[in-house]
């Protein structure tokens, strides 16, 4: 089955998943937010909610209103959402956070206590209720919660206060902590992630990066590389290929014996192809064909060879590209498969 891994992953990354209507709206809305087009994003959510009052859409709309400090509007949206989804802890937690942000401590306290009655282990409600009870200011953040989509202040947690992350797209690992300390910190950071709400994508990214940079000797560091690439590819619209490539390259360089090697290289191939980074794509295919020159499945060979030839053409290595187009045609052996037809068309165009 391993021989089908490349094609399967390519299909998965091309189509990601069959998104629901709500998921499509959320992806478009987040893309608008990334472009600072907040009013357009709000209008998109409001329009979608009229036709499809979905829980996730309520969360996204209220979350954006909260970030824009339109707290009364956010509460109106949340009230409708909770009426439709009375068991939604995500909506309730967001409601409690909005109340706290607008200075309604008693209201926030009541909401977080309600959440904890339904789920005693809900970390989000636990941390924010503690912050409310301690009398923290409305724009403060509980210890153990990093800055992100919904929490704007920096953490006061000793485990993170000395951490200065490297620039976006860069990974600078540190072995300042012992193996035991790295293990303990990695577990703690993953525990924090279990307490995050699903809308807190930036916090997930920040915590995974901290695991990668501060806990490089742990098994969680490799897992965080993979999960972070997931967030960049599947949590962004359009996918953030540059950051996905950066973390995958770090994974492969830092952990050359990782069990994630085959999948990571396949994902890196697809990401380079989708983002038009042909120099990297050529290098990856040269390595791939050195390692596996004749896949048992002809279809796998033809797909790889055609993509390799296209990348060679893109970087100006026309003669090499023609050789690989010819290999595709030869492997087809007169069956007139789509890859062979494409290779013939490319040669005729050259």
Protein backbone atom coordinates (compact mmCIF):
# COMPACT_ATOMS: atom_id res chain seq x y z
CA UNK A 1 0.00 0.00 0.00
CA UNK A 2 2.94 2.33 0.52
CA UNK A 3 3.32 2.83 -3.22
CA UNK A 4 -0.02 4.65 -3.34
CA UNK A 5 0.93 7.05 -0.53
CA UNK A 6 2.15 9.82 -2.81
CA UNK A 7 -0.96 9.87 -4.99
CA UNK A 8 -3.27 9.62 -2.03
CA UNK A 9 -1.62 12.49 -0.19
CA UNK A 10 -1.60 14.61 -3.32
CA UNK A 11 -5.33 14.06 -3.70
CA UNK A 12 -5.94 14.84 -0.05
CA UNK A 13 -3.95 18.06 -0.18
CA UNK A 14 -5.48 19.10 -3.46
CA UNK A 15 -9.01 18.78 -2.21
CA UNK A 16 -8.22 18.80 1.57
CA UNK A 17 -11.64 17.48 2.40
CA UNK A 18 -15.17 17.89 1.21
CA UNK A 19 -15.96 21.09 3.06
CA UNK A 20 -19.44 21.87 4.28
CA UNK A 21 -21.05 25.15 3.32
CA UNK A 22 -20.26 26.57 6.74
CA UNK A 23 -16.62 25.52 6.54
CA UNK A 24 -16.31 27.23 3.16
CA UNK A 25 -17.72 30.44 4.64
CA UNK A 26 -15.37 30.26 7.62
CA UNK A 27 -12.33 29.80 5.36
CA UNK A 28 -13.36 32.78 3.22
CA UNK A 29 -14.10 34.84 6.31
CA UNK A 30 -10.69 34.12 7.85
CA UNK A 31 -9.01 35.02 4.56
CA UNK A 32 -10.83 38.36 4.62
CA UNK A 33 -9.75 38.91 8.21
CA UNK A 34 -6.14 38.17 7.28
CA UNK A 35 -6.48 40.87 4.62
CA UNK A 36 -7.87 43.26 7.28
CA UNK A 37 -11.23 43.32 5.48
CA UNK A 38 -13.18 42.97 8.71
CA UNK A 39 -16.47 44.49 7.60
CA UNK A 40 -16.57 42.23 4.55
CA UNK A 41 -15.93 39.23 6.78
CA UNK A 42 -18.72 40.27 9.14
CA UNK A 43 -21.15 40.72 6.28
CA UNK A 44 -20.20 37.31 4.94
CA UNK A 45 -20.92 35.67 8.30
CA UNK A 46 -24.21 37.53 8.79
CA UNK A 47 -25.45 36.64 5.33
CA UNK A 48 -24.50 32.99 5.82
CA UNK A 49 -26.22 32.87 9.22
CA UNK A 50 -29.53 33.93 7.66
CA UNK A 51 -29.56 30.86 5.44
CA UNK A 52 -27.62 28.49 7.69
CA UNK A 53 -27.57 29.31 11.42
CA UNK A 54 -24.60 27.03 12.08
CA UNK A 55 -22.76 26.84 15.42
CA UNK A 56 -19.35 27.48 13.89
CA UNK A 57 -20.62 30.54 12.04
CA UNK A 58 -21.97 31.98 15.29
CA UNK A 59 -18.56 31.42 16.89
CA UNK A 60 -16.68 33.07 14.03
CA UNK A 61 -18.99 36.09 13.83
CA UNK A 62 -18.99 36.71 17.58
CA UNK A 63 -15.23 36.16 17.81
CA UNK A 64 -14.58 38.77 15.12
CA UNK A 65 -16.94 41.24 16.78
CA UNK A 66 -15.09 40.67 20.03
CA UNK A 67 -11.74 41.37 18.40
CA UNK A 68 -13.20 44.59 17.01
CA UNK A 69 -14.43 45.40 20.56
CA UNK A 70 -18.04 45.48 19.37
CA UNK A 71 -19.07 43.62 22.48
CA UNK A 72 -22.80 44.41 22.46
CA UNK A 73 -23.09 43.16 18.89
CA UNK A 74 -21.12 40.07 19.82
CA UNK A 75 -23.49 39.34 22.70
CA UNK A 76 -26.48 39.67 20.39
CA UNK A 77 -24.98 37.11 18.01
CA UNK A 78 -24.03 34.81 20.88
CA UNK A 79 -27.50 34.97 22.42
CA UNK A 80 -29.00 33.74 19.15
CA UNK A 81 -26.32 31.08 18.84
CA UNK A 82 -26.82 29.75 22.36
CA UNK A 83 -30.57 29.71 21.82
CA UNK A 84 -29.99 27.45 18.80
CA UNK A 85 -27.19 25.43 20.43
CA UNK A 86 -27.86 25.48 24.18
CA UNK A 87 -25.23 22.78 24.86
CA UNK A 88 -22.41 24.47 22.97
CA UNK A 89 -19.52 25.04 25.36
CA UNK A 90 -17.63 26.98 22.69
CA UNK A 91 -20.41 29.54 22.43
CA UNK A 92 -20.78 29.73 26.20
CA UNK A 93 -17.07 30.19 26.76
CA UNK A 94 -16.94 32.92 24.15
CA UNK A 95 -19.95 34.55 25.79
CA UNK A 96 -18.15 34.53 29.13
CA UNK A 97 -15.05 36.03 27.57
CA UNK A 98 -17.04 38.80 25.88
CA UNK A 99 -18.78 39.65 29.14
CA UNK A 100 -15.43 39.81 30.90
CA UNK A 101 -13.97 42.04 28.18
CA UNK A 102 -16.83 44.50 28.48
CA UNK A 103 -16.47 44.61 32.27
CA UNK A 104 -19.45 42.45 33.24
CA UNK A 105 -17.62 40.35 35.84
CA UNK A 106 -20.72 38.86 37.43
CA UNK A 107 -22.10 37.87 34.05
CA UNK A 108 -18.78 36.31 33.04
CA UNK A 109 -18.53 34.46 36.33
CA UNK A 110 -22.01 33.03 35.93
CA UNK A 111 -21.25 31.81 32.41
CA UNK A 112 -17.94 30.15 33.29
CA UNK A 113 -19.51 28.49 36.33
CA UNK A 114 -22.27 27.18 34.08
CA UNK A 115 -19.70 25.73 31.69
CA UNK A 116 -17.89 24.01 34.55
CA UNK A 117 -21.12 22.45 35.76
CA UNK A 118 -21.42 20.88 32.33
CA UNK A 119 -17.72 20.03 32.03
CA UNK A 120 -15.66 20.13 35.20
CA UNK A 121 -12.39 19.74 33.27
CA UNK A 122 -12.93 22.60 30.83
CA UNK A 123 -9.56 24.37 31.04
CA UNK A 124 -10.68 27.52 29.25
CA UNK A 125 -13.48 28.16 31.72
CA UNK A 126 -11.26 27.24 34.67
CA UNK A 127 -8.55 29.74 33.73
CA UNK A 128 -10.89 32.58 32.94
CA UNK A 129 -13.03 32.02 36.04
CA UNK A 130 -9.87 32.18 38.12
CA UNK A 131 -8.98 35.46 36.41
CA UNK A 132 -12.44 36.86 37.13
CA UNK A 133 -12.31 35.79 40.78
CA UNK A 134 -8.86 37.30 41.25
CA UNK A 135 -10.15 40.67 40.09
CA UNK A 136 -7.84 40.89 37.06
CA UNK A 137 -8.43 43.76 34.67
CA UNK A 138 -10.79 43.19 31.74
CA UNK A 139 -7.95 43.26 29.21
CA UNK A 140 -5.72 40.87 31.12
CA UNK A 141 -4.96 37.25 30.26
CA UNK A 142 -4.85 34.33 32.70
CA UNK A 143 -1.50 32.73 33.44
CA UNK A 144 -0.90 29.81 31.12
CA UNK A 145 -2.82 31.37 28.22
CA UNK A 146 -0.71 32.72 25.36
CA UNK A 147 -1.61 35.69 23.21
CA UNK A 148 -3.70 34.83 20.19
CA UNK A 149 -7.03 35.28 18.47
CA UNK A 150 -8.99 36.04 21.62
CA UNK A 151 -6.36 36.87 24.21
CA UNK A 152 -4.36 40.00 23.58
CA UNK A 153 -1.99 40.34 26.53
CA UNK A 154 1.21 38.35 27.02
CA UNK A 155 1.37 35.45 29.42
CA UNK A 156 2.65 35.72 32.94
CA UNK A 157 3.42 32.00 33.16
CA UNK A 158 7.03 31.35 34.20
CA UNK A 159 7.31 28.55 31.64
CA UNK A 160 6.79 30.95 28.75
CA UNK A 161 7.81 34.39 30.02
CA UNK A 162 11.47 33.99 29.00
CA UNK A 163 10.62 32.61 25.57
CA UNK A 164 11.15 34.84 22.56
CA UNK A 165 10.02 33.03 19.42
CA UNK A 166 12.09 33.32 16.27
CA UNK A 167 10.75 35.20 13.27
CA UNK A 168 7.90 33.79 11.24
CA UNK A 169 9.10 31.01 8.96
CA UNK A 170 12.27 30.47 11.00
CA UNK A 171 12.97 27.89 13.70
CA UNK A 172 15.76 28.34 16.21
CA UNK A 173 15.92 25.41 18.60
CA UNK A 174 17.35 25.67 22.08
CA UNK A 175 18.72 23.03 24.40
CA UNK A 176 18.87 25.39 27.36
CA UNK A 177 16.54 23.00 29.18
CA UNK A 178 17.56 19.50 30.16
CA UNK A 179 15.88 16.47 28.59
CA UNK A 180 13.67 16.10 31.66
CA UNK A 181 12.75 19.78 31.66
CA UNK A 182 11.95 19.65 27.95
CA UNK A 183 9.68 16.64 28.50
CA UNK A 184 7.87 18.42 31.32
CA UNK A 185 7.44 21.62 29.32
CA UNK A 186 6.21 19.77 26.23
CA UNK A 187 3.57 17.97 28.28
CA UNK A 188 2.54 21.26 29.88
CA UNK A 189 2.22 23.03 26.52
CA UNK A 190 0.19 20.18 25.05
CA UNK A 191 -2.04 20.28 28.12
CA UNK A 192 -2.61 23.97 27.43
CA UNK A 193 -3.64 23.09 23.90
CA UNK A 194 -6.29 20.68 25.16
CA UNK A 195 -7.86 23.64 26.95
CA UNK A 196 -8.05 25.86 23.88
CA UNK A 197 -11.23 26.50 21.99
CA UNK A 198 -11.37 25.63 18.30
CA UNK A 199 -11.39 29.27 17.20
CA UNK A 200 -8.02 29.97 18.84
CA UNK A 201 -5.88 29.04 15.83
CA UNK A 202 -3.16 31.58 16.55
CA UNK A 203 -2.69 30.20 20.03
CA UNK A 204 -2.32 26.67 18.66
CA UNK A 205 0.36 27.96 16.28
CA UNK A 206 2.22 29.78 19.04
CA UNK A 207 2.21 26.80 21.37
CA UNK A 208 3.33 24.36 18.68
CA UNK A 209 6.18 26.67 17.72
CA UNK A 210 7.24 26.90 21.33
CA UNK A 211 7.33 23.09 21.57
CA UNK A 212 9.45 22.95 18.40
CA UNK A 213 11.94 25.55 19.57
CA UNK A 214 12.16 24.88 23.31
CA UNK A 215 11.62 21.12 23.43
CA UNK A 216 13.56 19.79 20.40
CA UNK A 217 14.59 16.56 22.12
CA UNK A 218 11.01 15.44 22.73
CA UNK A 219 8.70 13.36 20.58
CA UNK A 220 6.19 16.21 20.79
CA UNK A 221 8.53 18.47 18.81
CA UNK A 222 8.24 16.28 15.72
CA UNK A 223 4.49 15.98 16.19
CA UNK A 224 4.21 19.76 16.51
CA UNK A 225 6.05 20.24 13.21
CA UNK A 226 3.47 18.05 11.49
CA UNK A 227 0.49 19.61 13.27
CA UNK A 228 1.73 23.11 12.53
CA UNK A 229 1.97 22.25 8.84
CA UNK A 230 -1.65 21.07 9.09
CA UNK A 231 -2.68 24.44 10.49
CA UNK A 232 -0.91 26.32 7.72
CA UNK A 233 -2.34 24.14 4.95
CA UNK A 234 -5.83 23.35 6.19
CA UNK A 235 -6.53 26.18 8.64
CA UNK A 236 -5.74 29.03 6.25
CA UNK A 237 -7.56 30.17 3.14
CA UNK A 238 -5.65 30.34 0.91
CA UNK A 239 -3.20 27.82 2.37
CA UNK A 240 -0.02 29.35 3.77
CA UNK A 241 2.39 27.28 1.71
CA UNK A 242 5.48 29.30 2.62
CA UNK A 243 5.14 28.67 6.34
CA UNK A 244 4.13 25.05 5.75
CA UNK A 245 7.26 24.52 3.68
CA UNK A 246 9.42 26.18 6.33
CA UNK A 247 8.22 23.94 9.16
CA UNK A 248 8.39 20.80 7.02
CA UNK A 249 11.94 21.62 5.97
CA UNK A 250 12.81 22.12 9.63
CA UNK A 251 11.29 18.75 10.49
CA UNK A 252 13.27 16.94 7.81
CA UNK A 253 16.55 18.68 8.64
CA UNK A 254 16.24 18.45 12.43
CA UNK A 255 14.95 14.87 12.51
CA UNK A 256 16.39 12.97 9.50
CA UNK A 257 15.30 9.64 11.00
CA UNK A 258 11.76 10.68 11.84
CA UNK A 259 8.94 8.24 11.17
CA UNK A 260 7.14 11.15 9.52
CA UNK A 261 9.79 11.32 6.77
CA UNK A 262 7.76 9.81 3.86
CA UNK A 263 4.61 11.79 4.55
CA UNK A 264 6.53 14.99 5.28
CA UNK A 265 8.45 14.76 2.00
CA UNK A 266 5.27 14.08 0.06
CA UNK A 267 3.56 17.04 1.70
CA UNK A 268 6.60 19.20 0.99
CA UNK A 269 6.48 18.17 -2.66
CA UNK A 270 2.85 19.12 -3.00
CA UNK A 271 3.33 22.41 -1.15
CA UNK A 272 6.25 23.41 -3.39
CA UNK A 273 4.25 22.48 -6.47
CA UNK A 274 1.15 24.39 -5.39
CA UNK A 275 3.17 27.49 -4.51
CA UNK A 276 5.30 27.41 -7.66
CA UNK A 277 8.62 26.95 -5.83
CA UNK A 278 10.12 25.02 -8.70
CA UNK A 279 13.79 25.13 -7.67
CA UNK A 280 12.90 23.34 -4.44
CA UNK A 281 10.56 21.03 -6.32
CA UNK A 282 13.30 20.00 -8.73
CA UNK A 283 15.67 19.21 -5.85
CA UNK A 284 13.02 17.14 -4.12
CA UNK A 285 12.22 15.15 -7.25
CA UNK A 286 15.90 14.55 -7.98
CA UNK A 287 16.25 13.09 -4.51
CA UNK A 288 13.04 11.09 -4.87
CA UNK A 289 14.07 9.49 -8.17
CA UNK A 290 17.51 8.73 -6.77
CA UNK A 291 15.92 6.98 -3.82
CA UNK A 292 13.09 5.30 -5.76
CA UNK A 293 13.91 5.36 -9.49
CA UNK A 294 11.38 2.77 -10.62
CA UNK A 295 8.19 2.65 -8.55
CA UNK A 296 6.37 -0.65 -8.97
CA UNK A 297 3.21 1.15 -9.99
CA UNK A 298 3.49 2.70 -13.47
CA UNK A 299 0.90 5.35 -12.65
CA UNK A 300 2.97 6.61 -9.71
CA UNK A 301 6.04 6.85 -11.93
CA UNK A 302 4.17 8.74 -14.66
CA UNK A 303 2.64 11.27 -12.26
CA UNK A 304 5.99 11.92 -10.60
CA UNK A 305 7.91 12.10 -13.87
CA UNK A 306 5.43 14.49 -15.46
CA UNK A 307 5.51 16.84 -12.47
CA UNK A 308 9.32 16.62 -12.38
CA UNK A 309 9.52 17.48 -16.08
CA UNK A 310 7.17 20.43 -15.62
CA UNK A 311 9.33 21.74 -12.78
CA UNK A 312 12.48 21.32 -14.89
CA UNK A 313 10.81 23.30 -17.67
CA UNK A 314 9.87 26.05 -15.22
CA UNK A 315 13.50 26.49 -14.10
CA UNK A 316 14.81 26.55 -17.67
CA UNK A 317 16.25 23.02 -17.85
CA UNK A 318 14.44 22.28 -21.10
CA UNK A 319 16.66 19.46 -22.34
CA UNK A 320 16.34 17.55 -19.06
CA UNK A 321 12.58 18.13 -19.09
CA UNK A 322 12.27 16.64 -22.58
CA UNK A 323 14.02 13.47 -21.42
CA UNK A 324 11.53 13.04 -18.61
CA UNK A 325 8.53 13.75 -20.84
CA UNK A 326 9.83 11.00 -23.11
CA UNK A 327 10.10 8.63 -20.14
CA UNK A 328 6.43 9.26 -19.38
CA UNK A 329 5.48 8.38 -22.95
CA UNK A 330 7.61 5.23 -22.89
CA UNK A 331 6.11 4.10 -19.58
CA UNK A 332 2.63 4.59 -21.03
CA UNK A 333 3.46 1.96 -23.67
CA UNK A 334 0.73 3.01 -26.07
CA UNK A 335 -2.11 3.05 -23.51
CA UNK A 336 -2.78 6.74 -24.20
CA UNK A 337 -3.16 7.66 -20.51
CA UNK A 338 -3.68 11.26 -19.55
CA UNK A 339 -0.09 11.71 -18.34
CA UNK A 340 1.28 10.49 -21.68
CA UNK A 341 -1.05 12.81 -23.60
CA UNK A 342 0.13 15.71 -21.46
CA UNK A 343 3.78 14.77 -22.01
CA UNK A 344 3.28 14.63 -25.80
CA UNK A 345 1.58 18.02 -25.74
CA UNK A 346 4.48 19.50 -23.75
CA UNK A 347 7.02 18.11 -26.23
CA UNK A 348 5.12 19.43 -29.19
CA UNK A 349 4.98 22.81 -27.49
CA UNK A 350 8.75 22.78 -26.93
